[in-house]
Every structure is written in structure tokens, then in C-alpha cells.
Amino acid sequence: MRSKEEYYEHINEIRTILNNPEKNLKCSCPKRNCEWHGNCTKCVAQHRYFKNHIPNCFQNIFNDKIKEVIQIFELTASEKERTPDEYWDYVKERDLLESTKIE
């Protein structure tokens, strides 16, 4: 376990990162067309609610760790098929249609 001093230093490192928007705060999700791209709070909230998978930006972190465990147990795994980007284009088109019907 970390000492209190090590923990304090770790928190200060996090603060430094969070105070520098150029460092690590840009949305790393490959789903650039997603309605919640760049809005981590809403993205994570809806993933937590539906519990069907973790946000795309976290998947590479977890996949690497899971692959290590899978090798230990001599298992195999395959990545979940990703929703095509065109689907977001369709959502935007439908939203536009729906908004014109209301007016």
C-alpha cells in the first residue's frame, strides 16, 4: 500500500494532468460521430445505466489486461463488433426529420 506521502504526490500528479487540457483531456474515443463524444460524464453515465459494455475509450485498456489473463488460462477471446459510424449519421438524419415534424 502507498504511504500517505506517496498518495499525496499521486493526487498532485493527477491535479497537474487535469489542469493541463493539452496533456490528456481530449476525448480518445474512436467514435467521433457519437452524440456524447467529448462529454465523458454523459457517456459513462449511459454505459453504467445499460451495463452492456464499457465506453470505447476504455476498451483498449481493459482488452490488453484481459488478454493477459486469457493467456494464463489458455482461453480465447474475440472483440465485440463495433457499431458502424454510419449509424450515427442515421441518428442525426432521423433527429432532423423528427424536429421538422414537430414544427
C-alpha atoms as a PDB file:
ATOM      1  CA  MET A   1       0.000   0.000   0.000  1.00  0.00           C
ATOM      2  CA  ARG A   2       1.130   3.546  -0.673  1.00  0.00           C
ATOM      3  CA  SER A   3       2.173   5.792   2.133  1.00  0.00           C
ATOM      4  CA  LYS A   4       0.195   8.966   2.786  1.00  0.00           C
ATOM      5  CA  GLU A   5       3.009  10.967   1.201  1.00  0.00           C
ATOM      6  CA  GLU A   6       3.047   8.775  -1.931  1.00  0.00           C
ATOM      7  CA  TYR A   7      -0.718   9.121  -2.186  1.00  0.00           C
ATOM      8  CA  TYR A   8      -0.448  12.894  -1.830  1.00  0.00           C
ATOM      9  CA  GLU A   9       2.150  13.004  -4.624  1.00  0.00           C
ATOM     10  CA  HIS A  10      -0.107  10.867  -6.813  1.00  0.00           C
ATOM     11  CA  ILE A  11      -3.039  13.249  -6.245  1.00  0.00           C
ATOM     12  CA  ASN A  12      -0.814  16.206  -7.154  1.00  0.00           C
ATOM     13  CA  GLU A  13       0.199  14.441 -10.369  1.00  0.00           C
ATOM     14  CA  ILE A  14      -3.490  13.944 -11.236  1.00  0.00           C
ATOM     15  CA  ARG A  15      -4.175  17.620 -10.495  1.00  0.00           C
ATOM     16  CA  THR A  16      -1.330  18.638 -12.816  1.00  0.00           C
ATOM     17  CA  ILE A  17      -2.731  16.490 -15.618  1.00  0.00           C
ATOM     18  CA  LEU A  18      -6.267  17.809 -15.125  1.00  0.00           C
ATOM     19  CA  ASN A  19      -5.054  21.407 -15.090  1.00  0.00           C
ATOM     20  CA  ASN A  20      -3.334  20.971 -18.458  1.00  0.00           C
ATOM     21  CA  PRO A  21      -6.020  20.429 -21.121  1.00  0.00           C
ATOM     22  CA  GLU A  22      -3.387  19.652 -23.752  1.00  0.00           C
ATOM     23  CA  LYS A  23      -1.959  16.760 -21.780  1.00  0.00           C
ATOM     24  CA  ASN A  24      -4.604  14.047 -21.537  1.00  0.00           C
ATOM     25  CA  LEU A  25      -8.053  15.577 -21.576  1.00  0.00           C
ATOM     26  CA  LYS A  26      -9.048  15.234 -25.209  1.00  0.00           C
ATOM     27  CA  CYS A  27     -11.633  12.542 -25.843  1.00  0.00           C
ATOM     28  CA  SER A  28      -9.776   9.440 -27.004  1.00  0.00           C
ATOM     29  CA  CYS A  29     -12.892   7.574 -28.114  1.00  0.00           C
ATOM     30  CA  PRO A  30     -12.702   6.441 -31.754  1.00  0.00           C
ATOM     31  CA  LYS A  31     -16.470   7.012 -32.119  1.00  0.00           C
ATOM     32  CA  ARG A  32     -16.152  10.643 -33.267  1.00  0.00           C
ATOM     33  CA  ASN A  33     -19.742  10.828 -34.579  1.00  0.00           C
ATOM     34  CA  CYS A  34     -21.235   9.783 -31.243  1.00  0.00           C
ATOM     35  CA  GLU A  35     -23.607  12.271 -29.649  1.00  0.00           C
ATOM     36  CA  TRP A  36     -21.675  12.048 -26.373  1.00  0.00           C
ATOM     37  CA  HIS A  37     -18.149  12.278 -27.865  1.00  0.00           C
ATOM     38  CA  GLY A  38     -16.154  14.579 -25.614  1.00  0.00           C
ATOM     39  CA  ASN A  39     -18.777  14.573 -22.858  1.00  0.00           C
ATOM     40  CA  CYS A  40     -17.356  11.874 -20.606  1.00  0.00           C
ATOM     41  CA  THR A  41     -19.889  12.347 -17.818  1.00  0.00           C
ATOM     42  CA  LYS A  42     -22.880  11.597 -20.042  1.00  0.00           C
ATOM     43  CA  CYS A  43     -21.042   8.865 -21.936  1.00  0.00           C
ATOM     44  CA  VAL A  44     -20.041   6.981 -18.795  1.00  0.00           C
ATOM     45  CA  ALA A  45     -23.468   7.537 -17.212  1.00  0.00           C
ATOM     46  CA  GLN A  46     -25.313   5.878 -20.084  1.00  0.00           C
ATOM     47  CA  HIS A  47     -22.805   2.997 -20.230  1.00  0.00           C
ATOM     48  CA  ARG A  48     -23.242   2.456 -16.480  1.00  0.00           C
ATOM     49  CA  TYR A  49     -27.012   2.520 -16.802  1.00  0.00           C
ATOM     50  CA  PHE A  50     -27.263  -0.043 -19.613  1.00  0.00           C
ATOM     51  CA  LYS A  51     -24.296  -2.160 -18.433  1.00  0.00           C
ATOM     52  CA  ASN A  52     -23.882  -3.719 -21.864  1.00  0.00           C
ATOM     53  CA  HIS A  53     -20.234  -2.733 -22.340  1.00  0.00           C
ATOM     54  CA  ILE A  54     -17.632  -0.250 -21.216  1.00  0.00           C
ATOM     55  CA  PRO A  55     -17.074   3.006 -23.108  1.00  0.00           C
ATOM     56  CA  ASN A  56     -14.998   2.616 -26.271  1.00  0.00           C
ATOM     57  CA  CYS A  57     -12.213   4.830 -24.940  1.00  0.00           C
ATOM     58  CA  PHE A  58     -11.630   2.355 -22.079  1.00  0.00           C
ATOM     59  CA  GLN A  59     -11.840  -0.824 -24.135  1.00  0.00           C
ATOM     60  CA  ASN A  60      -8.209  -0.886 -25.252  1.00  0.00           C
ATOM     61  CA  ILE A  61      -7.076  -0.593 -21.617  1.00  0.00           C
ATOM     62  CA  PHE A  62      -9.272  -3.473 -20.467  1.00  0.00           C
ATOM     63  CA  ASN A  63      -8.702  -5.593 -23.573  1.00  0.00           C
ATOM     64  CA  ASP A  64      -4.941  -5.586 -23.021  1.00  0.00           C
ATOM     65  CA  LYS A  65      -5.332  -6.648 -19.395  1.00  0.00           C
ATOM     66  CA  ILE A  66      -7.943  -9.294 -20.198  1.00  0.00           C
ATOM     67  CA  LYS A  67      -5.743 -10.757 -22.957  1.00  0.00           C
ATOM     68  CA  GLU A  68      -3.004 -11.290 -20.371  1.00  0.00           C
ATOM     69  CA  VAL A  69      -5.415 -13.185 -18.097  1.00  0.00           C
ATOM     70  CA  ILE A  70      -6.784 -15.178 -21.037  1.00  0.00           C
ATOM     71  CA  GLN A  71      -3.285 -16.340 -21.933  1.00  0.00           C
ATOM     72  CA  ILE A  72      -2.757 -17.612 -18.395  1.00  0.00           C
ATOM     73  CA  PHE A  73      -5.884 -19.780 -18.642  1.00  0.00           C
ATOM     74  CA  GLU A  74      -5.176 -20.746 -22.271  1.00  0.00           C
ATOM     75  CA  LEU A  75      -8.515 -19.385 -23.421  1.00  0.00           C
ATOM     76  CA  THR A  76      -9.504 -17.386 -26.481  1.00  0.00           C
ATOM     77  CA  ALA A  77     -11.498 -14.187 -26.807  1.00  0.00           C
ATOM     78  CA  SER A  78     -12.848 -12.042 -29.578  1.00  0.00           C
ATOM     79  CA  GLU A  79     -13.675  -8.371 -29.519  1.00  0.00           C
ATOM     80  CA  LYS A  80     -17.287  -7.281 -29.755  1.00  0.00           C
ATOM     81  CA  GLU A  81     -18.329  -5.983 -33.154  1.00  0.00           C
ATOM     82  CA  ARG A  82     -18.427  -2.195 -33.108  1.00  0.00           C
ATOM     83  CA  THR A  83     -21.416  -0.176 -34.229  1.00  0.00           C
ATOM     84  CA  PRO A  84     -20.677   1.324 -37.657  1.00  0.00           C
ATOM     85  CA  ASP A  85     -20.100   5.099 -37.804  1.00  0.00           C
ATOM     86  CA  GLU A  86     -22.894   5.392 -40.373  1.00  0.00           C
ATOM     87  CA  TYR A  87     -25.388   4.594 -37.638  1.00  0.00           C
ATOM     88  CA  TRP A  88     -24.678   7.954 -36.017  1.00  0.00           C
ATOM     89  CA  ASP A  89     -25.236   9.661 -39.348  1.00  0.00           C
ATOM     90  CA  TYR A  90     -28.607   7.913 -39.472  1.00  0.00           C
ATOM     91  CA  VAL A  91     -29.454   9.052 -35.923  1.00  0.00           C
ATOM     92  CA  LYS A  92     -28.684  12.649 -36.877  1.00  0.00           C
ATOM     93  CA  GLU A  93     -30.839  12.373 -40.022  1.00  0.00           C
ATOM     94  CA  ARG A  94     -33.747  10.921 -38.016  1.00  0.00           C
ATOM     95  CA  ASP A  95     -33.389  13.623 -35.357  1.00  0.00           C
ATOM     96  CA  LEU A  96     -33.580  16.248 -38.083  1.00  0.00           C
ATOM     97  CA  LEU A  97     -36.695  14.626 -39.553  1.00  0.00           C
ATOM     98  CA  GLU A  98     -38.328  14.377 -36.138  1.00  0.00           C
ATOM     99  CA  SER A  99     -37.583  18.018 -35.341  1.00  0.00           C
ATOM    100  CA  THR A 100     -39.158  19.181 -38.614  1.00  0.00           C
ATOM    101  CA  LYS A 101     -42.323  17.140 -37.899  1.00  0.00           C
ATOM    102  CA  ILE A 102     -42.803  18.872 -34.555  1.00  0.00           C
ATOM    103  CA  GLU A 103     -42.581  22.379 -36.008  1.00  0.00           C
END
